[in-house]
Amino acid sequence: MSKISTRFKFALTIGLAIFIFSIIMMLAYTNIISSTMRDSIDKLEANISYVESKSSEVIKNDVDNSFKEEAGNQMAPSLNSAPAPKETVDRSAESYRVALTLFNDTYRRVIYECIIWSFVFGFIGFILAYPLSGLLLRPFRKLANDISNINEGNLNELLYIENPKDETGKIKLAFNKLLVRVSTVLERQSSFASNVAHELKTPLSVMKIYPETLDEDSTIDEYKEVVAIEKKNVDRMIELVDDLLEYSRDIDIKATIISVKEVIDKDLEALKPLIEQKKIKIHKDISDLEIVTSRELFERLTYNILSNATRYNKDGGDIYITYRPHELSIRDTGIGIPEDSLEHLFEPLYCVDKSRSRELGGSGLGLAIVKKIADTLGYKIEVSSKVDKGTEFTIKI
């Protein structure tokens, strides 16, 4: 059935609908006729019963007359007289039976004719609906043809919508929205691949160039300097690859009861060397409440935000951590983020200032991982920032 065309299905549906409608209407009409016929048949059957009862009386009278004749009573009328009452009664009964048979035959014939005419009307409906369905489905065939002509090279060419209120217009509108989303995803993928290649190419180029500056006359200190640079670039590449694996892997949620305060303290302990190096002051106002969530994911979420708040903070700056039921806020007094960059902040490998990011470390995937974790846990994350004033991340749990 799935191989039958939509046009044929439409015509078949119309034909069946007409057939069923015809059956219902004709049966209703037949029922009216049959009610009238049934009244006549009931009268005929009553007459037959009456005539047969009279016939029995006639037979009884004939028997009585025969007994009287033997006793010397007067003989029955002669053969030349009118027919005997029994013959008249039998003839009337036979006439009634014939009439009853005719009524029943007529009723059955009407039923058969109703079925036959219903089939005829249904077939005529199918024949008329088939070309009509072609006219009705023509806009959809054109729509299918327009969609089939779309490929990777013309994803930005949206379908023209003549009437957004009809069925094809609504389909085109939904398809255009899908095209926009697909185009956006493909652009992000292309940008992501380009950024990954660029991030890997930079340290590889450095690793290739610096050893070429050494020769047999180079000093030990020069060799040590090149080795340190090579190690730094290798570490950067390892961090980038680790973050890429972290961003691309599936997230497994194992919910448990955790203390937000304990998680924050653990993150700050891990960042303690950098915090002390930049002489950053930590201000905590955390209610000692527990939540049900994935410990591993929640720790990675808060660590990445605190890591950014530390890396991009000013020397001697502050970090304010506030937790109230269902809301965690982390605010720093760092370099801030331009307003036009806030909407791209969670995109993979997006950096507000690439040179600054390389200087301070990081792969550019930290906040992308934060957004992915927040979406997985069902949290809403908001960012507000002002250049040279600082940035605040608010997580609504």
Foldseek 3Di string as FASTA:
>chain_A
DVPDDPLLVQLLVQLVVLLVVLLVVLVVVLVVVVVVLVVVLVVLVVVLVVLVVVLVVQVVVVVVLVVVVVVVDDDDDDPVDDDRPNVVSVVSNVVSVVVNVVSVVVSVVSNVVSNVVSNVRSVVSSVVSSVVSCVVCVLVVVVVVVVVPDDPVPLVDADDAPDCPDDSNVVSVVVNVVSVVVVVVVVLVVVQVVLVCVLLVVLVVLLVPLVVVDDPPDDPVSVVVSVVSNVLSVVQVVQQVVLVCLLPDDDDWDKDKDWPVVLLVVLCVVCVVLCVVLVEAEAEAEDGDIDITGSVLVSLLVNLVVLVLSLQAHRNWYWYWYDDVQKTKIKIQGQKADPVCQVVQLRAQDDRDVVSCSVSGDRRNSSVSNVVSCVVRVWDWDKDIDGSGIIMIMIGD
